[in-house]
C-alpha atoms as a PDB file:
ATOM      1  CA  MET A   1      25.387 -15.777 -33.038  1.00  0.00           C
ATOM      2  CA  SER A   2      29.158 -15.370 -33.440  1.00  0.00           C
ATOM      3  CA  GLY A   3      31.670 -16.825 -31.039  1.00  0.00           C
ATOM      4  CA  GLU A   4      32.483 -13.322 -29.809  1.00  0.00           C
ATOM      5  CA  ASP A   5      28.810 -12.648 -29.024  1.00  0.00           C
ATOM      6  CA  ARG A   6      28.584 -15.901 -27.078  1.00  0.00           C
ATOM      7  CA  CYS A   7      31.597 -14.847 -25.024  1.00  0.00           C
ATOM      8  CA  VAL A   8      29.914 -11.557 -24.183  1.00  0.00           C
ATOM      9  CA  TYR A   9      26.702 -13.280 -23.082  1.00  0.00           C
ATOM     10  CA  GLN A  10      28.647 -15.816 -21.032  1.00  0.00           C
ATOM     11  CA  GLU A  11      30.577 -13.026 -19.340  1.00  0.00           C
ATOM     12  CA  VAL A  12      27.309 -11.247 -18.466  1.00  0.00           C
ATOM     13  CA  PHE A  13      25.851 -14.492 -17.101  1.00  0.00           C
ATOM     14  CA  GLU A  14      28.923 -15.149 -14.963  1.00  0.00           C
ATOM     15  CA  SER A  15      29.061 -11.561 -13.654  1.00  0.00           C
ATOM     16  CA  ILE A  16      25.473 -11.201 -12.401  1.00  0.00           C
ATOM     17  CA  GLN A  17      25.553 -10.842  -8.621  1.00  0.00           C
ATOM     18  CA  ASN A  18      22.179 -12.492  -8.017  1.00  0.00           C
ATOM     19  CA  PRO A  19      21.787 -16.277  -8.277  1.00  0.00           C
ATOM     20  CA  VAL A  20      20.895 -17.255 -11.852  1.00  0.00           C
ATOM     21  CA  LEU A  21      20.090 -20.776 -13.060  1.00  0.00           C
ATOM     22  CA  ILE A  22      19.579 -22.290 -16.495  1.00  0.00           C
ATOM     23  CA  ILE A  23      16.963 -25.038 -16.101  1.00  0.00           C
ATOM     24  CA  ASP A  24      15.922 -27.649 -18.652  1.00  0.00           C
ATOM     25  CA  PRO A  25      12.246 -28.450 -19.457  1.00  0.00           C
ATOM     26  CA  ASN A  26      12.289 -31.220 -16.810  1.00  0.00           C
ATOM     27  CA  PHE A  27      13.289 -28.708 -14.126  1.00  0.00           C
ATOM     28  CA  VAL A  28      16.839 -29.985 -13.811  1.00  0.00           C
ATOM     29  CA  ILE A  29      19.666 -27.438 -13.548  1.00  0.00           C
ATOM     30  CA  GLU A  30      21.816 -27.284 -16.679  1.00  0.00           C
ATOM     31  CA  ASP A  31      24.025 -24.370 -15.648  1.00  0.00           C
ATOM     32  CA  ALA A  32      24.485 -21.812 -12.885  1.00  0.00           C
ATOM     33  CA  ASN A  33      26.499 -18.669 -12.330  1.00  0.00           C
ATOM     34  CA  PRO A  34      29.083 -18.459  -9.509  1.00  0.00           C
ATOM     35  CA  ALA A  35      26.698 -16.328  -7.414  1.00  0.00           C
ATOM     36  CA  ALA A  36      24.180 -19.180  -7.418  1.00  0.00           C
ATOM     37  CA  ALA A  37      26.753 -21.726  -6.247  1.00  0.00           C
ATOM     38  CA  GLU A  38      27.903 -19.460  -3.423  1.00  0.00           C
ATOM     39  CA  PHE A  39      24.371 -18.466  -2.433  1.00  0.00           C
ATOM     40  CA  LEU A  40      23.107 -22.072  -2.354  1.00  0.00           C
ATOM     41  CA  ASP A  41      26.218 -23.264  -0.503  1.00  0.00           C
ATOM     42  CA  TYR A  42      27.519 -25.537  -3.273  1.00  0.00           C
ATOM     43  CA  PRO A  43      31.306 -25.952  -3.745  1.00  0.00           C
ATOM     44  CA  SER A  44      31.071 -24.874  -7.396  1.00  0.00           C
ATOM     45  CA  LYS A  45      28.582 -24.174 -10.130  1.00  0.00           C
ATOM     46  CA  THR A  46      29.486 -27.541 -11.635  1.00  0.00           C
ATOM     47  CA  ALA A  47      28.215 -29.224  -8.475  1.00  0.00           C
ATOM     48  CA  LEU A  48      24.799 -27.664  -9.141  1.00  0.00           C
ATOM     49  CA  GLN A  49      24.492 -29.112 -12.614  1.00  0.00           C
ATOM     50  CA  GLY A  50      22.113 -32.068 -12.776  1.00  0.00           C
ATOM     51  CA  THR A  51      20.373 -31.079  -9.525  1.00  0.00           C
ATOM     52  CA  ALA A  52      16.572 -31.187  -9.541  1.00  0.00           C
ATOM     53  CA  VAL A  53      15.050 -27.781  -8.787  1.00  0.00           C
ATOM     54  CA  SER A  54      12.417 -29.418  -6.571  1.00  0.00           C
ATOM     55  CA  SER A  55      15.167 -30.505  -4.140  1.00  0.00           C
ATOM     56  CA  MET A  56      16.001 -26.918  -3.324  1.00  0.00           C
ATOM     57  CA  LEU A  57      12.478 -25.558  -2.992  1.00  0.00           C
ATOM     58  CA  TYR A  58      11.077 -25.370   0.544  1.00  0.00           C
ATOM     59  CA  ASP A  59       7.602 -25.623  -0.984  1.00  0.00           C
ATOM     60  CA  PRO A  60       7.754 -28.061  -3.936  1.00  0.00           C
ATOM     61  CA  ASP A  61       4.258 -26.962  -5.040  1.00  0.00           C
ATOM     62  CA  VAL A  62       5.875 -23.841  -6.492  1.00  0.00           C
ATOM     63  CA  ILE A  63       7.106 -26.054  -9.336  1.00  0.00           C
ATOM     64  CA  GLU A  64       3.493 -26.556 -10.454  1.00  0.00           C
ATOM     65  CA  GLU A  65       2.899 -22.801 -10.568  1.00  0.00           C
ATOM     66  CA  VAL A  66       6.057 -22.236 -12.594  1.00  0.00           C
ATOM     67  CA  ALA A  67       5.321 -25.151 -14.935  1.00  0.00           C
ATOM     68  CA  GLU A  68       1.814 -23.809 -15.619  1.00  0.00           C
ATOM     69  CA  ALA A  69       3.153 -20.364 -16.505  1.00  0.00           C
ATOM     70  CA  ILE A  70       5.995 -21.724 -18.647  1.00  0.00           C
ATOM     71  CA  ALA A  71       3.598 -24.070 -20.504  1.00  0.00           C
ATOM     72  CA  ALA A  72       1.566 -20.988 -21.433  1.00  0.00           C
ATOM     73  CA  GLY A  73       4.721 -19.286 -22.660  1.00  0.00           C
ATOM     74  CA  LYS A  74       4.589 -16.731 -19.853  1.00  0.00           C
ATOM     75  CA  PRO A  75       7.155 -15.727 -17.225  1.00  0.00           C
ATOM     76  CA  TRP A  76       6.511 -16.520 -13.563  1.00  0.00           C
ATOM     77  CA  GLU A  77       7.359 -14.357 -10.570  1.00  0.00           C
ATOM     78  CA  GLY A  78       6.461 -14.786  -6.931  1.00  0.00           C
ATOM     79  CA  ARG A  79       7.544 -15.177  -3.344  1.00  0.00           C
ATOM     80  CA  THR A  80       9.299 -18.431  -2.567  1.00  0.00           C
ATOM     81  CA  GLU A  81      11.837 -20.014  -0.219  1.00  0.00           C
ATOM     82  CA  LEU A  82      14.966 -21.882  -1.191  1.00  0.00           C
ATOM     83  CA  LEU A  83      16.847 -24.582   0.683  1.00  0.00           C
ATOM     84  CA  THR A  84      20.609 -24.289   0.577  1.00  0.00           C
ATOM     85  CA  HIS A  85      22.883 -27.328   0.299  1.00  0.00           C
ATOM     86  CA  GLY A  86      23.372 -27.026   4.066  1.00  0.00           C
ATOM     87  CA  GLY A  87      19.629 -26.962   4.810  1.00  0.00           C
ATOM     88  CA  GLU A  88      19.210 -23.231   5.496  1.00  0.00           C
ATOM     89  CA  VAL A  89      15.898 -21.691   4.415  1.00  0.00           C
ATOM     90  CA  ILE A  90      16.209 -18.404   2.500  1.00  0.00           C
ATOM     91  CA  ALA A  91      13.140 -16.289   1.734  1.00  0.00           C
ATOM     92  CA  GLY A  92      12.863 -14.083  -1.313  1.00  0.00           C
ATOM     93  CA  ARG A  93      11.352 -13.570  -4.734  1.00  0.00           C
ATOM     94  CA  GLY A  94      12.010 -15.851  -7.647  1.00  0.00           C
ATOM     95  CA  SER A  95      11.382 -15.431 -11.343  1.00  0.00           C
ATOM     96  CA  ALA A  96      11.401 -17.907 -14.210  1.00  0.00           C
ATOM     97  CA  VAL A  97      11.403 -16.953 -17.886  1.00  0.00           C
ATOM     98  CA  PRO A  98      10.928 -19.388 -20.797  1.00  0.00           C
ATOM     99  CA  ILE A  99      13.746 -19.131 -23.365  1.00  0.00           C
ATOM    100  CA  THR A 100      12.793 -19.810 -26.973  1.00  0.00           C
ATOM    101  CA  ILE A 101      15.323 -20.217 -29.788  1.00  0.00           C
ATOM    102  CA  ASP A 102      14.194 -20.375 -33.399  1.00  0.00           C
ATOM    103  CA  GLY A 103      10.616 -20.727 -32.229  1.00  0.00           C
ATOM    104  CA  GLU A 104      11.334 -23.716 -29.996  1.00  0.00           C
ATOM    105  CA  PHE A 105      11.234 -23.719 -26.174  1.00  0.00           C
ATOM    106  CA  THR A 106      14.675 -24.801 -24.988  1.00  0.00           C
ATOM    107  CA  CYS A 107      15.167 -23.899 -21.336  1.00  0.00           C
ATOM    108  CA  ILE A 108      14.164 -21.704 -18.395  1.00  0.00           C
ATOM    109  CA  ALA A 109      16.167 -18.813 -16.975  1.00  0.00           C
ATOM    110  CA  GLY A 110      15.648 -18.583 -13.219  1.00  0.00           C
ATOM    111  CA  LEU A 111      16.686 -15.737 -10.914  1.00  0.00           C
ATOM    112  CA  PHE A 112      16.317 -15.328  -7.155  1.00  0.00           C
ATOM    113  CA  VAL A 113      16.484 -12.199  -4.958  1.00  0.00           C
ATOM    114  CA  ASP A 114      17.220 -12.757  -1.261  1.00  0.00           C
ATOM    115  CA  LEU A 115      14.723 -10.876   0.948  1.00  0.00           C
ATOM    116  CA  THR A 116      15.411 -12.733   4.208  1.00  0.00           C
ATOM    117  CA  ARG A 117      16.888  -9.747   6.041  1.00  0.00           C
ATOM    118  CA  GLN A 118      14.180  -7.434   4.732  1.00  0.00           C
ATOM    119  CA  GLU A 119      11.426  -9.781   5.888  1.00  0.00           C
ATOM    120  CA  GLN A 120      13.022 -10.139   9.319  1.00  0.00           C
ATOM    121  CA  TYR A 121      13.228  -6.351   9.547  1.00  0.00           C
ATOM    122  CA  SER A 122       9.596  -5.974   8.481  1.00  0.00           C
ATOM    123  CA  ARG A 123       8.409  -8.532  11.051  1.00  0.00           C
ATOM    124  CA  SER A 124      10.377  -6.820  13.820  1.00  0.00           C
ATOM    125  CA  LEU A 125       9.056  -3.419  12.790  1.00  0.00           C
ATOM    126  CA  ASN A 126       5.461  -4.668  12.733  1.00  0.00           C
ATOM    127  CA  ILE A 127       5.834  -6.132  16.217  1.00  0.00           C
ATOM    128  CA  LEU A 128       7.382  -2.886  17.486  1.00  0.00           C
ATOM    129  CA  ASN A 129       4.556  -0.856  15.942  1.00  0.00           C
ATOM    130  CA  ARG A 130       1.871  -3.035  17.521  1.00  0.00           C
ATOM    131  CA  VAL A 131       3.494  -2.910  20.957  1.00  0.00           C
ATOM    132  CA  LEU A 132       4.026   0.848  20.718  1.00  0.00           C
ATOM    133  CA  ARG A 133       0.445   1.522  19.645  1.00  0.00           C
ATOM    134  CA  HIS A 134      -0.871  -0.746  22.413  1.00  0.00           C
ATOM    135  CA  ASN A 135       1.216   1.062  25.045  1.00  0.00           C
ATOM    136  CA  ILE A 136       0.211   4.484  23.732  1.00  0.00           C
ATOM    137  CA  ARG A 137      -3.480   3.604  23.882  1.00  0.00           C
ATOM    138  CA  ASN A 138      -3.155   2.231  27.416  1.00  0.00           C
ATOM    139  CA  GLU A 139      -1.300   5.296  28.684  1.00  0.00           C
ATOM    140  CA  ILE A 140      -3.743   7.684  27.038  1.00  0.00           C
ATOM    141  CA  ASN A 141      -6.717   5.768  28.436  1.00  0.00           C
ATOM    142  CA  ILE A 142      -5.289   6.283  31.923  1.00  0.00           C
ATOM    143  CA  ILE A 143      -4.717  10.001  31.292  1.00  0.00           C
ATOM    144  CA  GLN A 144      -8.193  10.446  29.825  1.00  0.00           C
ATOM    145  CA  GLY A 145      -9.717   8.629  32.782  1.00  0.00           C
ATOM    146  CA  THR A 146      -7.877  10.910  35.194  1.00  0.00           C
ATOM    147  CA  LEU A 147      -8.930  14.040  33.300  1.00  0.00           C
ATOM    148  CA  GLY A 148     -12.533  12.832  33.349  1.00  0.00           C
ATOM    149  CA  MET A 149     -12.453  12.772  37.156  1.00  0.00           C
ATOM    150  CA  ILE A 150     -11.573  16.468  37.384  1.00  0.00           C
ATOM    151  CA  ASP A 151     -14.477  18.607  38.601  1.00  0.00           C
ATOM    152  CA  GLU A 152     -14.744  21.487  36.136  1.00  0.00           C
ATOM    153  CA  ASP A 153     -16.510  23.583  38.785  1.00  0.00           C
ATOM    154  CA  CYS A 154     -13.262  23.635  40.755  1.00  0.00           C
ATOM    155  CA  LEU A 155     -11.176  24.912  37.857  1.00  0.00           C
ATOM    156  CA  ALA A 156     -10.066  28.500  37.478  1.00  0.00           C
ATOM    157  CA  GLU A 157     -11.347  30.635  34.624  1.00  0.00           C
ATOM    158  CA  GLY A 158      -9.806  29.518  31.349  1.00  0.00           C
ATOM    159  CA  ASP A 159      -8.709  26.120  32.698  1.00  0.00           C
ATOM    160  CA  VAL A 160     -11.773  24.354  31.303  1.00  0.00           C
ATOM    161  CA  GLU A 161     -10.838  25.436  27.797  1.00  0.00           C
ATOM    162  CA  ARG A 162      -7.244  24.289  28.308  1.00  0.00           C
ATOM    163  CA  LEU A 163      -8.492  20.984  29.695  1.00  0.00           C
ATOM    164  CA  ASN A 164     -10.683  20.451  26.649  1.00  0.00           C
ATOM    165  CA  SER A 165      -7.705  21.262  24.439  1.00  0.00           C
ATOM    166  CA  VAL A 166      -5.627  18.566  26.151  1.00  0.00           C
ATOM    167  CA  GLU A 167      -8.410  16.002  25.754  1.00  0.00           C
ATOM    168  CA  LYS A 168      -8.737  16.875  22.054  1.00  0.00           C
ATOM    169  CA  ARG A 169      -4.993  16.434  21.518  1.00  0.00           C
ATOM    170  CA  LEU A 170      -5.068  13.067  23.260  1.00  0.00           C
ATOM    171  CA  ALA A 171      -7.915  11.967  21.004  1.00  0.00           C
ATOM    172  CA  THR A 172      -5.833  13.080  17.995  1.00  0.00           C
ATOM    173  CA  ILE A 173      -2.907  10.916  19.121  1.00  0.00           C
ATOM    174  CA  VAL A 174      -5.189   7.887  19.407  1.00  0.00           C
ATOM    175  CA  ASP A 175      -6.603   8.600  15.946  1.00  0.00           C
ATOM    176  CA  ARG A 176      -3.100   8.778  14.470  1.00  0.00           C
ATOM    177  CA  ALA A 177      -2.169   5.490  16.102  1.00  0.00           C
ATOM    178  CA  ASN A 178      -5.276   3.929  14.573  1.00  0.00           C
ATOM    179  CA  THR A 179      -4.337   5.365  11.184  1.00  0.00           C
ATOM    180  CA  ALA A 180      -0.880   3.793  11.523  1.00  0.00           C
ATOM    181  CA  ARG A 181      -2.570   0.443  12.186  1.00  0.00           C
ATOM    182  CA  ARG A 182      -4.708   0.835   9.096  1.00  0.00           C
ATOM    183  CA  LEU A 183      -1.605   1.645   7.070  1.00  0.00           C
ATOM    184  CA  GLU A 184       0.014  -1.572   8.270  1.00  0.00           C
ATOM    185  CA  GLU A 185      -3.084  -3.537   7.278  1.00  0.00           C
ATOM    186  CA  LEU A 186      -3.106  -1.737   3.933  1.00  0.00           C
ATOM    187  CA  LEU A 187       0.421  -2.889   3.106  1.00  0.00           C
ATOM    188  CA  ASP A 188      -0.698  -6.492   3.692  1.00  0.00           C
ATOM    189  CA  PHE A 189      -3.497  -6.270   1.118  1.00  0.00           C
ATOM    190  CA  ASP A 190      -3.724  -9.132  -1.364  1.00  0.00           C
ATOM    191  CA  ASP A 191      -5.201  -8.652  -4.832  1.00  0.00           C
ATOM    192  CA  ASP A 192      -8.211 -10.780  -3.918  1.00  0.00           C
ATOM    193  CA  GLN A 193      -9.113  -8.285  -1.188  1.00  0.00           C
ATOM    194  CA  ILE A 194      -9.915  -5.702  -3.864  1.00  0.00           C
ATOM    195  CA  GLU A 195     -13.399  -6.441  -5.164  1.00  0.00           C
ATOM    196  CA  ALA A 196     -14.115  -6.018  -8.876  1.00  0.00           C
ATOM    197  CA  THR A 197     -17.216  -3.840  -8.445  1.00  0.00           C
ATOM    198  CA  VAL A 198     -18.440  -1.904  -5.422  1.00  0.00           C
ATOM    199  CA  ARG A 199     -20.990   0.887  -5.103  1.00  0.00           C
ATOM    200  CA  ILE A 200     -18.829   3.964  -4.682  1.00  0.00           C
ATOM    201  CA  ASP A 201     -21.906   6.126  -4.088  1.00  0.00           C
ATOM    202  CA  GLU A 202     -23.036   3.958  -1.152  1.00  0.00           C
ATOM    203  CA  LEU A 203     -19.590   4.000   0.483  1.00  0.00           C
ATOM    204  CA  LEU A 204     -19.402   7.773   0.028  1.00  0.00           C
ATOM    205  CA  CYS A 205     -22.831   8.353   1.605  1.00  0.00           C
ATOM    206  CA  GLU A 206     -21.804   6.218   4.572  1.00  0.00           C
ATOM    207  CA  ALA A 207     -18.670   8.340   5.060  1.00  0.00           C
ATOM    208  CA  ILE A 208     -20.594  11.617   4.765  1.00  0.00           C
ATOM    209  CA  ALA A 209     -23.090  10.521   7.427  1.00  0.00           C
ATOM    210  CA  THR A 210     -20.281   9.578   9.821  1.00  0.00           C
ATOM    211  CA  VAL A 211     -18.293  12.800   9.420  1.00  0.00           C
ATOM    212  CA  ALA A 212     -21.402  15.015   9.478  1.00  0.00           C
ATOM    213  CA  SER A 213     -22.353  13.564  12.866  1.00  0.00           C
ATOM    214  CA  GLU A 214     -18.838  14.231  14.168  1.00  0.00           C
ATOM    215  CA  TYR A 215     -18.782  17.843  12.923  1.00  0.00           C
ATOM    216  CA  PRO A 216     -22.314  19.291  13.395  1.00  0.00           C
ATOM    217  CA  GLU A 217     -20.937  22.809  12.918  1.00  0.00           C
ATOM    218  CA  ALA A 218     -19.983  22.041   9.312  1.00  0.00           C
ATOM    219  CA  LYS A 219     -22.266  22.114   6.283  1.00  0.00           C
ATOM    220  CA  PHE A 220     -22.097  19.278   3.761  1.00  0.00           C
ATOM    221  CA  VAL A 221     -23.614  19.990   0.349  1.00  0.00           C
ATOM    222  CA  PHE A 222     -24.284  17.112  -2.050  1.00  0.00           C
ATOM    223  CA  PRO A 223     -27.011  15.865  -4.444  1.00  0.00           C
ATOM    224  CA  ASP A 224     -30.011  13.911  -3.211  1.00  0.00           C
ATOM    225  CA  SER A 225     -28.613  10.973  -5.161  1.00  0.00           C
ATOM    226  CA  PHE A 226     -25.224  10.331  -6.737  1.00  0.00           C
ATOM    227  CA  GLY A 227     -26.667   7.523  -8.849  1.00  0.00           C
ATOM    228  CA  ALA A 228     -25.303   3.981  -8.864  1.00  0.00           C
ATOM    229  CA  ARG A 229     -21.544   4.303  -9.421  1.00  0.00           C
ATOM    230  CA  TYR A 230     -19.539   1.097  -9.703  1.00  0.00           C
ATOM    231  CA  ALA A 231     -15.732   0.936  -9.636  1.00  0.00           C
ATOM    232  CA  THR A 232     -12.782  -1.106  -8.415  1.00  0.00           C
ATOM    233  CA  ALA A 233     -12.336  -0.718  -4.651  1.00  0.00           C
ATOM    234  CA  ASN A 234     -13.389  -2.261  -1.341  1.00  0.00           C
ATOM    235  CA  ARG A 235     -14.880  -1.053   1.942  1.00  0.00           C
ATOM    236  CA  THR A 236     -11.612   0.602   2.971  1.00  0.00           C
ATOM    237  CA  ALA A 237     -12.648   3.388   0.592  1.00  0.00           C
ATOM    238  CA  VAL A 238     -15.056   4.543   3.331  1.00  0.00           C
ATOM    239  CA  ARG A 239     -12.096   5.431   5.537  1.00  0.00           C
ATOM    240  CA  ALA A 240     -10.440   7.276   2.650  1.00  0.00           C
ATOM    241  CA  PHE A 241     -13.563   9.394   2.147  1.00  0.00           C
ATOM    242  CA  GLU A 242     -13.766  10.076   5.894  1.00  0.00           C
ATOM    243  CA  ALA A 243     -10.116  11.173   5.978  1.00  0.00           C
ATOM    244  CA  VAL A 244     -10.588  13.710   3.184  1.00  0.00           C
ATOM    245  CA  LEU A 245     -13.889  14.982   4.587  1.00  0.00           C
ATOM    246  CA  GLU A 246     -12.398  15.366   8.069  1.00  0.00           C
ATOM    247  CA  ASN A 247      -9.412  17.165   6.574  1.00  0.00           C
ATOM    248  CA  ALA A 248     -11.771  19.595   4.830  1.00  0.00           C
ATOM    249  CA  VAL A 249     -13.384  20.551   8.146  1.00  0.00           C
ATOM    250  CA  GLU A 250     -10.495  20.365  10.605  1.00  0.00           C
ATOM    251  CA  HIS A 251      -8.339  22.848   8.677  1.00  0.00           C
ATOM    252  CA  ASN A 252     -11.204  25.170   7.840  1.00  0.00           C
ATOM    253  CA  ASP A 253     -11.000  28.530   9.634  1.00  0.00           C
ATOM    254  CA  THR A 254     -14.192  30.074   8.255  1.00  0.00           C
ATOM    255  CA  ALA A 255     -17.267  30.922  10.338  1.00  0.00           C
ATOM    256  CA  GLU A 256     -19.264  28.249   8.501  1.00  0.00           C
ATOM    257  CA  PRO A 257     -17.114  25.389   7.246  1.00  0.00           C
ATOM    258  CA  THR A 258     -18.714  24.097   4.060  1.00  0.00           C
ATOM    259  CA  VAL A 259     -17.881  20.991   2.055  1.00  0.00           C
ATOM    260  CA  TRP A 260     -19.238  20.240  -1.422  1.00  0.00           C
ATOM    261  CA  ILE A 261     -19.275  16.637  -2.633  1.00  0.00           C
ATOM    262  CA  ASP A 262     -20.033  15.336  -6.106  1.00  0.00           C
ATOM    263  CA  VAL A 263     -19.390  12.249  -8.238  1.00  0.00           C
ATOM    264  CA  SER A 264     -18.766  11.963 -11.968  1.00  0.00           C
ATOM    265  CA  GLU A 265     -17.832   9.089 -14.259  1.00  0.00           C
ATOM    266  CA  ASN A 266     -16.671   8.182 -17.739  1.00  0.00           C
ATOM    267  CA  ASP A 267     -16.012   4.911 -19.511  1.00  0.00           C
ATOM    268  CA  ASP A 268     -12.779   4.314 -17.581  1.00  0.00           C
ATOM    269  CA  SER A 269     -13.222   5.797 -14.115  1.00  0.00           C
ATOM    270  CA  VAL A 270     -15.388   7.195 -11.331  1.00  0.00           C
ATOM    271  CA  THR A 271     -14.211  10.435  -9.707  1.00  0.00           C
ATOM    272  CA  VAL A 272     -15.308  11.777  -6.324  1.00  0.00           C
ATOM    273  CA  GLU A 273     -14.702  15.519  -5.818  1.00  0.00           C
ATOM    274  CA  ILE A 274     -14.592  16.948  -2.301  1.00  0.00           C
ATOM    275  CA  GLU A 275     -14.196  20.732  -2.118  1.00  0.00           C
ATOM    276  CA  ASP A 276     -14.099  23.047   0.903  1.00  0.00           C
ATOM    277  CA  ASN A 277     -14.138  26.785   1.568  1.00  0.00           C
ATOM    278  CA  GLY A 278     -11.063  26.697   3.812  1.00  0.00           C
ATOM    279  CA  PRO A 279      -7.628  28.254   3.332  1.00  0.00           C
ATOM    280  CA  GLY A 280      -6.766  25.983   0.419  1.00  0.00           C
ATOM    281  CA  ILE A 281      -3.615  24.083  -0.487  1.00  0.00           C
ATOM    282  CA  ASP A 282      -0.916  25.171  -2.895  1.00  0.00           C
ATOM    283  CA  PRO A 283      -1.087  22.597  -5.740  1.00  0.00           C
ATOM    284  CA  GLU A 284       2.714  22.647  -5.855  1.00  0.00           C
ATOM    285  CA  ARG A 285       2.696  21.125  -2.373  1.00  0.00           C
ATOM    286  CA  GLU A 286       0.585  18.156  -3.431  1.00  0.00           C
ATOM    287  CA  ASP A 287       3.394  15.606  -3.057  1.00  0.00           C
ATOM    288  CA  ILE A 288       4.181  16.945   0.422  1.00  0.00           C
ATOM    289  CA  VAL A 289       0.528  16.927   1.507  1.00  0.00           C
ATOM    290  CA  PHE A 290       0.166  13.265   0.545  1.00  0.00           C
ATOM    291  CA  GLY A 291       3.446  12.279   2.170  1.00  0.00           C
ATOM    292  CA  ARG A 292       5.160  11.501  -1.142  1.00  0.00           C
ATOM    293  CA  GLU A 293       8.003  13.820  -0.158  1.00  0.00           C
ATOM    294  CA  GLU A 294       9.650  14.090   3.253  1.00  0.00           C
ATOM    295  CA  THR A 295       9.352  17.382   5.115  1.00  0.00           C
ATOM    296  CA  ASP A 296       9.907  18.609   8.646  1.00  0.00           C
ATOM    297  CA  GLN A 297       6.447  20.129   9.010  1.00  0.00           C
ATOM    298  CA  LEU A 298       3.325  20.166   6.877  1.00  0.00           C
ATOM    299  CA  ASN A 299       1.293  23.336   6.717  1.00  0.00           C
ATOM    300  CA  HIS A 300      -1.925  21.410   6.117  1.00  0.00           C
ATOM    301  CA  GLY A 301      -2.086  18.702   8.735  1.00  0.00           C
ATOM    302  CA  ASP A 302       0.490  16.064   9.554  1.00  0.00           C
ATOM    303  CA  GLY A 303      -0.246  14.079   6.390  1.00  0.00           C
ATOM    304  CA  ILE A 304      -0.752  10.676   8.027  1.00  0.00           C
ATOM    305  CA  SER A 305      -4.383  10.270   6.985  1.00  0.00           C
ATOM    306  CA  LEU A 306      -3.793  11.699   3.518  1.00  0.00           C
ATOM    307  CA  PHE A 307      -0.757   9.453   3.105  1.00  0.00           C
ATOM    308  CA  PHE A 308      -3.087   6.547   3.864  1.00  0.00           C
ATOM    309  CA  VAL A 309      -5.494   7.752   1.165  1.00  0.00           C
ATOM    310  CA  ASP A 310      -2.714   8.091  -1.389  1.00  0.00           C
ATOM    311  CA  GLN A 311      -1.359   4.600  -0.711  1.00  0.00           C
ATOM    312  CA  LEU A 312      -4.842   3.082  -0.880  1.00  0.00           C
ATOM    313  CA  PHE A 313      -5.481   4.551  -4.321  1.00  0.00           C
ATOM    314  CA  ARG A 314      -2.154   3.234  -5.552  1.00  0.00           C
ATOM    315  CA  ILE A 315      -3.417  -0.244  -4.644  1.00  0.00           C
ATOM    316  CA  TYR A 316      -6.766   0.384  -6.330  1.00  0.00           C
ATOM    317  CA  GLY A 317      -4.966   1.466  -9.491  1.00  0.00           C
ATOM    318  CA  GLY A 318      -6.580   4.900  -9.269  1.00  0.00           C
ATOM    319  CA  SER A 319      -5.288   8.314  -8.287  1.00  0.00           C
ATOM    320  CA  VAL A 320      -5.818  11.128  -5.804  1.00  0.00           C
ATOM    321  CA  GLY A 321      -4.896  14.779  -6.244  1.00  0.00           C
ATOM    322  CA  VAL A 322      -5.639  18.265  -4.950  1.00  0.00           C
ATOM    323  CA  GLN A 323      -6.236  21.543  -6.745  1.00  0.00           C
ATOM    324  CA  ALA A 324      -7.608  25.008  -6.027  1.00  0.00           C
ATOM    325  CA  GLY A 325     -11.371  25.054  -5.537  1.00  0.00           C
ATOM    326  CA  GLU A 326     -13.850  27.558  -6.942  1.00  0.00           C
ATOM    327  CA  GLU A 327     -14.522  28.919  -3.438  1.00  0.00           C
ATOM    328  CA  GLY A 328     -10.832  29.465  -2.722  1.00  0.00           C
ATOM    329  CA  GLY A 329     -10.386  26.288  -0.689  1.00  0.00           C
ATOM    330  CA  ALA A 330      -9.040  22.905  -1.691  1.00  0.00           C
ATOM    331  CA  ARG A 331     -10.637  20.447  -4.090  1.00  0.00           C
ATOM    332  CA  PHE A 332      -9.644  16.798  -3.697  1.00  0.00           C
ATOM    333  CA  CYS A 333     -10.232  14.480  -6.646  1.00  0.00           C
ATOM    334  CA  LEU A 334     -10.342  10.747  -5.882  1.00  0.00           C
ATOM    335  CA  THR A 335     -10.438   8.660  -9.047  1.00  0.00           C
ATOM    336  CA  PHE A 336     -11.315   4.966  -9.055  1.00  0.00           C
ATOM    337  CA  PRO A 337     -10.765   2.716 -12.082  1.00  0.00           C
ATOM    338  CA  ARG A 338     -14.130   1.773 -13.559  1.00  0.00           C
ATOM    339  CA  THR A 339     -15.040  -1.834 -14.236  1.00  0.00           C
ATOM    340  CA  GLY A 340     -18.500  -1.312 -15.717  1.00  0.00           C
ATOM    341  CA  ASP A 341     -21.986  -1.016 -14.252  1.00  0.00           C
ATOM    342  CA  THR A 342     -23.648  -4.007 -12.657  1.00  0.00           C
ATOM    343  CA  GLU A 343     -27.383  -4.274 -12.229  1.00  0.00           C
END
């Protein structure tokens, strides 16, 4: 590398706005950029040189994780907390990359992204959501209790229907609040909460039985047996199936709402198809239906439950989409990554 090239690389290193450290194989800081010195509350980057990385980690065990990855020649990335020179704890994500020159491991490049404010915001938002949902449920319980005390025999003609409409809307609000709770839980999923192999067919049958009991006026058509279908998922998939099945009935304006369900598979995936004979969904509105794009009003539901489904399948590593069905309605395709059959 020429002297000019070294100057360019040094200038890049000095100009990066995130804290960057050059660490020797013994986890002692060899060099730092100005952003690191300022971030860690050191008077200069020179003052950081010779400092043991373990002294600035809130959890020293992280060193073992990084050392294991570096020893295998792999980069490390994860959530961690740093201690500044003044003792302040800063939460964020760190990364460490082994640097090899001429085939020989020479040092580690470490970078840290401060997420303290974001985490504080997320905690505050979660608390606000829980309090709001709790208050909504309490208020609606009171309203529903009051409505239940009304003697329908004393109501004027047409008032019973309006009363039932109010009760149905209140139940919808509670359901949406519960969906918001499930979304919050979904965002907290860890990888170990996703099981390697689950019986998709069993989870689907469970969802069909639940929704069929809730909507006796609808007809659900499916094979006597889907066969044993294994894929990557967990029991939350039941709620995803319920959401799509409910959507197929709730927005169906035909005299006999009908839903067809089938399952197919190949070497890489298992796909559940749920088709209805309702008004259908324009495939061009798919991103809006699943809440991937913001809009003032959805023509096919408010999108909360379908947004939940879409986010869940992102975590599974699968996909969900909608297309025109053979009967003129909508056909939802939920695809799970396949991990192989298990006896």
